[in-house]
Amino acid sequence: MITPTSRPRSVPALEELTLLDDRTDCERWRLITITTDAPVSARLTWTGATGVAEPADVSVARLAMASVWASTWRVVITNPGPKPARVRASVADLTYQRAVTPTLEQQFVAAPSPSAVTHTIPRWATDVRLDTTDEAMLGALVELLDSNGVVRAGVTQVRKADWIPLGLADAVRVTSAGQYRLVWRLSLS
């Protein structure tokens, strides 16, 4: 059974728009799908009948999907780009849990060089990747901190970006000589 679908909407540059905000009488597995013609940020919020809503912020380049157990859901789109983005969201009922491609969230950081900047780990994140120039990558340091701020693991002198598992880390500290972005892999299924 297909549940609500938004019609394609134009999200103006630097603005926010709610595409879906709905509920049903019963909980079940639902597949939330977002398509866009330009990169946007989406805040997905869902809950079952007795749960507390924990939003997930997702970067959508063209398509993003999340398989969630829900009776209520909300999709809010933010367009960080300079031009309007055409976006559509849909929710489909599933008969079983479906594994979907991992969803990614990107944080672009314009940090003064070189400096150590601590980043809070987003909800649902399982891995992180540091993207920067080849020269800056060789001198970059990525550290995983526990809830007391103690370094539990560190990665340095890598030649190419690769996923770093977060485990029980509470924050990520990055020291880089150049500008960088962090890409978080979110597990939303």
Foldseek 3Di string as FASTA:
>chain_A
DWDDKFDWDKAFAQGKDKRDWDFADAWAKKKKKKAKPAKKKKWKWFDGPPDDTAIAIFIDGGMDIFIATHGTMIIMIGHNDNGIMTMMMTMGGDPDTDFDDWTKDKDWDADAFFDKDKFFDGPQFFWKKKDDDQVFQQAKKKFFAAPVRDTPDMDHRDRDIDIDTNPRGGIIIMTTRGTIMMMTTGGRD
